[in-house]
Amino acid sequence: MGLTWAEHLSVGNALIDLDHKNLICKVNNVRNAIRARDSFMLKVAFEHLEDGLCIHYANEERIAQAVNFDFSAHKQKQQYTLSELQHLRAELLAKRGIWSDLAVAHFIGFLKTWMIEDHIVRMNMLMKPTLQSHDYTFLPGCEDDKTIHTAG
């Protein structure tokens, strides 16, 4: 069974929650490709995940700045995560779909731990009290600037 988003994972902002839902779907696509041992599908799934992460990270930073949340530690963790995911992708793609059951379990476990426990619960929940002091649909400068995108 893949990862699922649940209400207790809401961080108090509609755009960030929507991004998380979309990213969970993208993580599930990577998981499915790993399980299928399909290196082509894996390459595409990782590209979509990385693209979605870059958009999501930009959205998080922009919202954090607009609500005066100190984002420095968050940004460092984001850069580390992107680097780790790129390393994971390279390692898996180099094996061309020949992954042991142990490797499959390890990589799938890593993706779950990173997405749900590390990114949403440990990092993003730190922003929740600040975000909840604003409307759930708050978007910084959205009436003037049409550059906000979703990770979907």
C-alpha atoms as a PDB file:
ATOM      1  CA  MET A   1       0.000   0.000   0.000  1.00  0.00           C
ATOM      2  CA  GLY A   2       1.274   3.441  -0.879  1.00  0.00           C
ATOM      3  CA  LEU A   3       1.534   6.540   1.240  1.00  0.00           C
ATOM      4  CA  THR A   4      -1.648   8.474   1.918  1.00  0.00           C
ATOM      5  CA  TRP A   5      -2.312  11.997   3.074  1.00  0.00           C
ATOM      6  CA  ALA A   6      -4.560  12.388   6.110  1.00  0.00           C
ATOM      7  CA  GLU A   7      -6.056  15.433   7.809  1.00  0.00           C
ATOM      8  CA  HIS A   8      -3.610  15.199  10.738  1.00  0.00           C
ATOM      9  CA  LEU A   9      -0.840  16.010   8.207  1.00  0.00           C
ATOM     10  CA  SER A  10      -2.347  19.421   7.421  1.00  0.00           C
ATOM     11  CA  VAL A  11       0.092  22.234   8.179  1.00  0.00           C
ATOM     12  CA  GLY A  12      -2.546  24.956   8.082  1.00  0.00           C
ATOM     13  CA  ASN A  13      -2.110  26.234   4.532  1.00  0.00           C
ATOM     14  CA  ALA A  14      -4.107  25.063   1.511  1.00  0.00           C
ATOM     15  CA  LEU A  15      -1.272  25.398  -1.021  1.00  0.00           C
ATOM     16  CA  ILE A  16       1.275  23.556   1.117  1.00  0.00           C
ATOM     17  CA  ASP A  17      -1.281  20.831   1.912  1.00  0.00           C
ATOM     18  CA  LEU A  18      -2.141  20.473  -1.788  1.00  0.00           C
ATOM     19  CA  ASP A  19       1.562  20.268  -2.637  1.00  0.00           C
ATOM     20  CA  HIS A  20       2.001  17.547  -0.002  1.00  0.00           C
ATOM     21  CA  LYS A  21      -0.900  15.552  -1.444  1.00  0.00           C
ATOM     22  CA  ASN A  22       0.625  15.825  -4.922  1.00  0.00           C
ATOM     23  CA  LEU A  23       4.094  14.929  -3.667  1.00  0.00           C
ATOM     24  CA  ILE A  24       2.770  11.874  -1.863  1.00  0.00           C
ATOM     25  CA  CYS A  25       1.307  10.746  -5.185  1.00  0.00           C
ATOM     26  CA  LYS A  26       4.688  11.330  -6.865  1.00  0.00           C
ATOM     27  CA  VAL A  27       6.486   9.403  -4.099  1.00  0.00           C
ATOM     28  CA  ASN A  28       4.014   6.562  -4.645  1.00  0.00           C
ATOM     29  CA  ASN A  29       4.882   6.603  -8.349  1.00  0.00           C
ATOM     30  CA  VAL A  30       8.575   6.265  -7.479  1.00  0.00           C
ATOM     31  CA  ARG A  31       7.748   3.444  -5.044  1.00  0.00           C
ATOM     32  CA  ASN A  32       5.731   1.654  -7.716  1.00  0.00           C
ATOM     33  CA  ALA A  33       8.565   1.944 -10.217  1.00  0.00           C
ATOM     34  CA  ILE A  34      11.039   0.586  -7.665  1.00  0.00           C
ATOM     35  CA  ARG A  35       8.742  -2.334  -6.883  1.00  0.00           C
ATOM     36  CA  ALA A  36       8.221  -3.022 -10.596  1.00  0.00           C
ATOM     37  CA  ARG A  37      11.982  -2.797 -11.124  1.00  0.00           C
ATOM     38  CA  ASP A  38      11.234  -0.595 -14.133  1.00  0.00           C
ATOM     39  CA  SER A  39      14.175   1.759 -14.657  1.00  0.00           C
ATOM     40  CA  PHE A  40      12.454   3.814 -17.386  1.00  0.00           C
ATOM     41  CA  MET A  41       9.348   4.385 -15.246  1.00  0.00           C
ATOM     42  CA  LEU A  42      11.642   5.125 -12.301  1.00  0.00           C
ATOM     43  CA  LYS A  43      13.566   7.786 -14.232  1.00  0.00           C
ATOM     44  CA  VAL A  44      10.336   9.538 -15.225  1.00  0.00           C
ATOM     45  CA  ALA A  45       8.839   9.225 -11.737  1.00  0.00           C
ATOM     46  CA  PHE A  46      11.964  10.707 -10.126  1.00  0.00           C
ATOM     47  CA  GLU A  47      11.979  13.596 -12.611  1.00  0.00           C
ATOM     48  CA  HIS A  48       8.359  14.385 -11.731  1.00  0.00           C
ATOM     49  CA  LEU A  49       9.136  14.128  -8.015  1.00  0.00           C
ATOM     50  CA  GLU A  50      12.149  16.428  -8.264  1.00  0.00           C
ATOM     51  CA  ASP A  51      10.238  18.962 -10.373  1.00  0.00           C
ATOM     52  CA  GLY A  52       7.373  18.902  -7.866  1.00  0.00           C
ATOM     53  CA  LEU A  53       9.773  19.289  -4.962  1.00  0.00           C
ATOM     54  CA  CYS A  54      11.427  22.347  -6.487  1.00  0.00           C
ATOM     55  CA  ILE A  55       8.031  24.002  -6.945  1.00  0.00           C
ATOM     56  CA  HIS A  56       6.912  22.967  -3.465  1.00  0.00           C
ATOM     57  CA  TYR A  57      10.091  24.190  -1.811  1.00  0.00           C
ATOM     58  CA  ALA A  58       9.728  27.562  -3.540  1.00  0.00           C
ATOM     59  CA  ASN A  59       6.099  27.768  -2.370  1.00  0.00           C
ATOM     60  CA  GLU A  60       7.051  26.909   1.206  1.00  0.00           C
ATOM     61  CA  GLU A  61       9.818  29.476   1.295  1.00  0.00           C
ATOM     62  CA  ARG A  62       7.642  32.188  -0.175  1.00  0.00           C
ATOM     63  CA  ILE A  63       4.832  31.522   2.280  1.00  0.00           C
ATOM     64  CA  ALA A  64       7.257  31.280   5.227  1.00  0.00           C
ATOM     65  CA  GLN A  65       8.784  34.645   4.327  1.00  0.00           C
ATOM     66  CA  ALA A  66       5.350  36.236   3.998  1.00  0.00           C
ATOM     67  CA  VAL A  67       4.331  35.058   7.488  1.00  0.00           C
ATOM     68  CA  ASN A  68       7.735  35.915   9.022  1.00  0.00           C
ATOM     69  CA  PHE A  69       8.714  32.326   9.773  1.00  0.00           C
ATOM     70  CA  ASP A  70      12.470  31.683  10.079  1.00  0.00           C
ATOM     71  CA  PHE A  71      13.067  29.342   7.168  1.00  0.00           C
ATOM     72  CA  SER A  72      16.862  28.933   7.339  1.00  0.00           C
ATOM     73  CA  ALA A  73      16.941  25.442   8.913  1.00  0.00           C
ATOM     74  CA  HIS A  74      14.111  24.355   6.663  1.00  0.00           C
ATOM     75  CA  LYS A  75      15.984  25.500   3.573  1.00  0.00           C
ATOM     76  CA  GLN A  76      19.114  23.575   4.577  1.00  0.00           C
ATOM     77  CA  LYS A  77      17.045  20.419   5.055  1.00  0.00           C
ATOM     78  CA  GLN A  78      15.423  20.931   1.647  1.00  0.00           C
ATOM     79  CA  GLN A  79      18.801  21.193  -0.087  1.00  0.00           C
ATOM     80  CA  TYR A  80      20.020  18.082   1.718  1.00  0.00           C
ATOM     81  CA  THR A  81      16.871  16.163   0.745  1.00  0.00           C
ATOM     82  CA  LEU A  82      17.182  17.078  -2.931  1.00  0.00           C
ATOM     83  CA  SER A  83      20.779  15.926  -2.872  1.00  0.00           C
ATOM     84  CA  GLU A  84      19.830  12.636  -1.188  1.00  0.00           C
ATOM     85  CA  LEU A  85      17.008  11.989  -3.653  1.00  0.00           C
ATOM     86  CA  GLN A  86      19.335  12.667  -6.586  1.00  0.00           C
ATOM     87  CA  HIS A  87      21.841  10.227  -5.089  1.00  0.00           C
ATOM     88  CA  LEU A  88      19.094   7.638  -4.565  1.00  0.00           C
ATOM     89  CA  ARG A  89      17.916   8.063  -8.155  1.00  0.00           C
ATOM     90  CA  ALA A  90      21.443   7.696  -9.542  1.00  0.00           C
ATOM     91  CA  GLU A  91      22.086   4.599  -7.444  1.00  0.00           C
ATOM     92  CA  LEU A  92      18.855   2.930  -8.518  1.00  0.00           C
ATOM     93  CA  LEU A  93      19.143   3.851 -12.189  1.00  0.00           C
ATOM     94  CA  ALA A  94      22.720   2.560 -12.332  1.00  0.00           C
ATOM     95  CA  LYS A  95      21.424  -0.902 -11.429  1.00  0.00           C
ATOM     96  CA  ARG A  96      18.966  -0.855 -14.392  1.00  0.00           C
ATOM     97  CA  GLY A  97      16.094  -2.470 -12.564  1.00  0.00           C
ATOM     98  CA  ILE A  98      18.172  -5.197 -10.926  1.00  0.00           C
ATOM     99  CA  TRP A  99      17.435  -4.470  -7.296  1.00  0.00           C
ATOM    100  CA  SER A 100      17.427  -6.993  -4.505  1.00  0.00           C
ATOM    101  CA  ASP A 101      14.323  -7.330  -2.333  1.00  0.00           C
ATOM    102  CA  LEU A 102      16.349  -5.830   0.516  1.00  0.00           C
ATOM    103  CA  ALA A 103      17.259  -2.799  -1.609  1.00  0.00           C
ATOM    104  CA  VAL A 104      13.631  -2.359  -2.654  1.00  0.00           C
ATOM    105  CA  ALA A 105      12.503  -2.435   0.989  1.00  0.00           C
ATOM    106  CA  HIS A 106      15.271  -0.015   2.004  1.00  0.00           C
ATOM    107  CA  PHE A 107      14.510   2.568  -0.683  1.00  0.00           C
ATOM    108  CA  ILE A 108      10.747   2.369  -0.160  1.00  0.00           C
ATOM    109  CA  GLY A 109      11.264   2.769   3.593  1.00  0.00           C
ATOM    110  CA  PHE A 110      13.503   5.775   2.997  1.00  0.00           C
ATOM    111  CA  LEU A 111      10.874   7.470   0.816  1.00  0.00           C
ATOM    112  CA  LYS A 112       8.144   6.938   3.424  1.00  0.00           C
ATOM    113  CA  THR A 113      10.302   8.141   6.289  1.00  0.00           C
ATOM    114  CA  TRP A 114      11.462  11.184   4.364  1.00  0.00           C
ATOM    115  CA  MET A 115       8.098  12.323   2.988  1.00  0.00           C
ATOM    116  CA  ILE A 116       5.799  11.773   5.934  1.00  0.00           C
ATOM    117  CA  GLU A 117       7.970  11.728   9.046  1.00  0.00           C
ATOM    118  CA  ASP A 118      10.866  14.026   8.146  1.00  0.00           C
ATOM    119  CA  HIS A 119       9.371  16.529   5.727  1.00  0.00           C
ATOM    120  CA  ILE A 120       5.774  16.931   6.858  1.00  0.00           C
ATOM    121  CA  VAL A 121       5.778  15.941  10.532  1.00  0.00           C
ATOM    122  CA  ARG A 122       9.213  17.092  11.708  1.00  0.00           C
ATOM    123  CA  MET A 123       9.841  20.097   9.460  1.00  0.00           C
ATOM    124  CA  ASN A 124       6.550  21.505   8.200  1.00  0.00           C
ATOM    125  CA  MET A 125       4.633  21.106  11.450  1.00  0.00           C
ATOM    126  CA  LEU A 126       7.028  23.674  12.920  1.00  0.00           C
ATOM    127  CA  MET A 127       5.332  26.230  10.650  1.00  0.00           C
ATOM    128  CA  LYS A 128       1.786  25.200  11.584  1.00  0.00           C
ATOM    129  CA  PRO A 129       1.264  27.571  14.547  1.00  0.00           C
ATOM    130  CA  THR A 130       2.400  30.519  12.440  1.00  0.00           C
ATOM    131  CA  LEU A 131       0.381  29.434   9.404  1.00  0.00           C
ATOM    132  CA  GLN A 132      -2.746  28.976  11.509  1.00  0.00           C
ATOM    133  CA  SER A 133      -2.632  32.649  12.439  1.00  0.00           C
ATOM    134  CA  HIS A 134      -3.490  33.323   8.767  1.00  0.00           C
ATOM    135  CA  ASP A 135      -6.401  32.224   6.645  1.00  0.00           C
ATOM    136  CA  TYR A 136      -6.069  28.617   5.419  1.00  0.00           C
ATOM    137  CA  THR A 137      -6.133  29.832   1.795  1.00  0.00           C
ATOM    138  CA  PHE A 138      -3.431  32.504   2.371  1.00  0.00           C
ATOM    139  CA  LEU A 139      -1.170  33.033  -0.644  1.00  0.00           C
ATOM    140  CA  PRO A 140       1.432  35.802  -0.507  1.00  0.00           C
ATOM    141  CA  GLY A 141       0.940  38.429  -3.196  1.00  0.00           C
ATOM    142  CA  CYS A 142      -1.322  36.189  -5.250  1.00  0.00           C
ATOM    143  CA  GLU A 143      -3.443  39.067  -6.478  1.00  0.00           C
ATOM    144  CA  ASP A 144      -0.410  40.712  -8.142  1.00  0.00           C
ATOM    145  CA  ASP A 145       1.818  37.768  -8.929  1.00  0.00           C
ATOM    146  CA  LYS A 146       0.696  34.741 -10.891  1.00  0.00           C
ATOM    147  CA  THR A 147       3.927  32.747 -10.305  1.00  0.00           C
ATOM    148  CA  ILE A 148       2.606  30.527  -7.537  1.00  0.00           C
ATOM    149  CA  HIS A 149       2.342  26.974  -8.804  1.00  0.00           C
ATOM    150  CA  THR A 150       1.465  23.666  -7.226  1.00  0.00           C
ATOM    151  CA  ALA A 151       3.698  20.646  -7.084  1.00  0.00           C
ATOM    152  CA  GLY A 152       1.031  18.696  -8.991  1.00  0.00           C
END
